[in-house]
Amino acid sequence: MPHTIAVAGKGGVGKTTVSGMIIDYLTGKGAGPVLVVDADANANLNEVLPCNPTAENIAKWICDQLPECYRVDVQESEGNMATYEEE
């Protein structure tokens, strides 16, 4: 059963740290896929995660999850595309 968790509040209260801890807990527990959206203009959630969520790494992860996947394109921003292709 999917759940939505939103973390909000004023600046400097530890939202990013708490979010990172929640993500680490859920992924360590094997809770299934965890979708994370960082809507902060500073977007520094990647600094507290144990992985590097670049467009290239996300494309590879998506391809690894899908049977018979050979290519994934991820658009990071307008005009900036990352492609992962199986060899």
C-alpha atoms as a PDB file:
ATOM      1  CA  MET A   1       0.000   0.000   0.000  1.00  0.00           C
ATOM      2  CA  PRO A   2       1.583   3.315  -1.053  1.00  0.00           C
ATOM      3  CA  HIS A   3       2.047   6.135   1.421  1.00  0.00           C
ATOM      4  CA  THR A   4       2.818   9.813   0.961  1.00  0.00           C
ATOM      5  CA  ILE A   5       5.087  11.569   3.434  1.00  0.00           C
ATOM      6  CA  ALA A   6       5.540  15.333   3.203  1.00  0.00           C
ATOM      7  CA  VAL A   7       8.048  17.256   5.312  1.00  0.00           C
ATOM      8  CA  ALA A   8       7.473  20.997   5.623  1.00  0.00           C
ATOM      9  CA  GLY A   9       8.317  23.860   7.938  1.00  0.00           C
ATOM     10  CA  LYS A  10      10.369  27.013   8.220  1.00  0.00           C
ATOM     11  CA  GLY A  11      14.014  27.117   7.187  1.00  0.00           C
ATOM     12  CA  GLY A  12      16.793  25.668   9.304  1.00  0.00           C
ATOM     13  CA  VAL A  13      14.708  23.241  11.365  1.00  0.00           C
ATOM     14  CA  GLY A  14      16.180  20.018   9.946  1.00  0.00           C
ATOM     15  CA  LYS A  15      13.697  19.070   7.210  1.00  0.00           C
ATOM     16  CA  THR A  16      16.422  17.826   4.867  1.00  0.00           C
ATOM     17  CA  THR A  17      18.118  15.795   7.599  1.00  0.00           C
ATOM     18  CA  VAL A  18      14.834  14.216   8.722  1.00  0.00           C
ATOM     19  CA  SER A  19      13.883  13.491   5.113  1.00  0.00           C
ATOM     20  CA  GLY A  20      17.214  11.773   4.537  1.00  0.00           C
ATOM     21  CA  MET A  21      16.744   9.680   7.680  1.00  0.00           C
ATOM     22  CA  ILE A  22      13.234   8.633   6.589  1.00  0.00           C
ATOM     23  CA  ILE A  23      14.520   7.671   3.132  1.00  0.00           C
ATOM     24  CA  ASP A  24      17.427   5.726   4.644  1.00  0.00           C
ATOM     25  CA  TYR A  25      15.064   3.883   7.009  1.00  0.00           C
ATOM     26  CA  LEU A  26      12.540   2.958   4.312  1.00  0.00           C
ATOM     27  CA  THR A  27      15.148   1.767   1.813  1.00  0.00           C
ATOM     28  CA  GLY A  28      17.026  -0.166   4.524  1.00  0.00           C
ATOM     29  CA  LYS A  29      13.790  -1.839   5.610  1.00  0.00           C
ATOM     30  CA  GLY A  30      13.178  -3.000   2.030  1.00  0.00           C
ATOM     31  CA  ALA A  31       9.927  -1.070   1.860  1.00  0.00           C
ATOM     32  CA  GLY A  32       9.996  -1.242  -1.932  1.00  0.00           C
ATOM     33  CA  PRO A  33      10.653   1.590  -4.335  1.00  0.00           C
ATOM     34  CA  VAL A  34      10.829   5.014  -2.705  1.00  0.00           C
ATOM     35  CA  LEU A  35      10.113   8.080  -4.835  1.00  0.00           C
ATOM     36  CA  VAL A  36      11.705  11.254  -3.488  1.00  0.00           C
ATOM     37  CA  VAL A  37      10.841  14.740  -4.731  1.00  0.00           C
ATOM     38  CA  ASP A  38      12.905  17.659  -3.446  1.00  0.00           C
ATOM     39  CA  ALA A  39      10.905  20.823  -4.161  1.00  0.00           C
ATOM     40  CA  ASP A  40      13.325  23.062  -2.282  1.00  0.00           C
ATOM     41  CA  ALA A  41      14.869  25.747  -4.471  1.00  0.00           C
ATOM     42  CA  ASN A  42      18.233  24.958  -2.827  1.00  0.00           C
ATOM     43  CA  ALA A  43      17.748  21.237  -3.617  1.00  0.00           C
ATOM     44  CA  ASN A  44      20.415  19.802  -1.331  1.00  0.00           C
ATOM     45  CA  LEU A  45      18.718  16.548  -0.314  1.00  0.00           C
ATOM     46  CA  ASN A  46      21.290  14.660  -2.397  1.00  0.00           C
ATOM     47  CA  GLU A  47      23.941  15.759   0.112  1.00  0.00           C
ATOM     48  CA  VAL A  48      22.412  13.635   2.891  1.00  0.00           C
ATOM     49  CA  LEU A  49      21.531  10.569   0.810  1.00  0.00           C
ATOM     50  CA  PRO A  50      23.873   7.573   0.622  1.00  0.00           C
ATOM     51  CA  CYS A  51      23.683   7.653  -3.182  1.00  0.00           C
ATOM     52  CA  ASN A  52      24.190  10.175  -5.949  1.00  0.00           C
ATOM     53  CA  PRO A  53      20.797  10.751  -7.642  1.00  0.00           C
ATOM     54  CA  THR A  54      22.099  12.126 -10.935  1.00  0.00           C
ATOM     55  CA  ALA A  55      20.034  11.755 -14.098  1.00  0.00           C
ATOM     56  CA  GLU A  56      22.520   9.123 -15.324  1.00  0.00           C
ATOM     57  CA  ASN A  57      22.210   7.044 -12.140  1.00  0.00           C
ATOM     58  CA  ILE A  58      18.415   7.337 -12.178  1.00  0.00           C
ATOM     59  CA  ALA A  59      18.302   6.192 -15.814  1.00  0.00           C
ATOM     60  CA  LYS A  60      20.472   3.150 -14.991  1.00  0.00           C
ATOM     61  CA  TRP A  61      18.336   2.286 -11.945  1.00  0.00           C
ATOM     62  CA  ILE A  62      15.129   2.471 -14.009  1.00  0.00           C
ATOM     63  CA  CYS A  63      16.623   0.201 -16.669  1.00  0.00           C
ATOM     64  CA  ASP A  64      17.775  -2.265 -13.985  1.00  0.00           C
ATOM     65  CA  GLN A  65      14.210  -2.475 -12.628  1.00  0.00           C
ATOM     66  CA  LEU A  66      12.489  -3.206 -15.956  1.00  0.00           C
ATOM     67  CA  PRO A  67      12.754  -6.595 -17.622  1.00  0.00           C
ATOM     68  CA  GLU A  68      13.994  -6.457 -21.202  1.00  0.00           C
ATOM     69  CA  CYS A  69      14.993  -2.795 -20.866  1.00  0.00           C
ATOM     70  CA  TYR A  70      17.812  -1.711 -23.125  1.00  0.00           C
ATOM     71  CA  ARG A  71      17.597   2.109 -23.086  1.00  0.00           C
ATOM     72  CA  VAL A  72      16.266   4.833 -20.766  1.00  0.00           C
ATOM     73  CA  ASP A  73      16.281   8.600 -21.293  1.00  0.00           C
ATOM     74  CA  VAL A  74      15.886  10.925 -18.299  1.00  0.00           C
ATOM     75  CA  GLN A  75      15.362  14.648 -18.772  1.00  0.00           C
ATOM     76  CA  GLU A  76      17.066  16.440 -15.903  1.00  0.00           C
ATOM     77  CA  SER A  77      16.106  19.916 -17.067  1.00  0.00           C
ATOM     78  CA  GLU A  78      15.114  21.603 -20.289  1.00  0.00           C
ATOM     79  CA  GLY A  79      17.728  20.740 -22.890  1.00  0.00           C
ATOM     80  CA  ASN A  80      19.616  18.407 -20.531  1.00  0.00           C
ATOM     81  CA  MET A  81      19.034  14.703 -21.211  1.00  0.00           C
ATOM     82  CA  ALA A  82      20.801  11.654 -19.788  1.00  0.00           C
ATOM     83  CA  THR A  83      20.686   8.310 -21.592  1.00  0.00           C
ATOM     84  CA  TYR A  84      21.530   4.856 -20.252  1.00  0.00           C
ATOM     85  CA  GLU A  85      21.913   1.965 -22.707  1.00  0.00           C
ATOM     86  CA  GLU A  86      22.554  -1.691 -21.931  1.00  0.00           C
ATOM     87  CA  GLU A  87      25.544  -3.083 -23.794  1.00  0.00           C
END
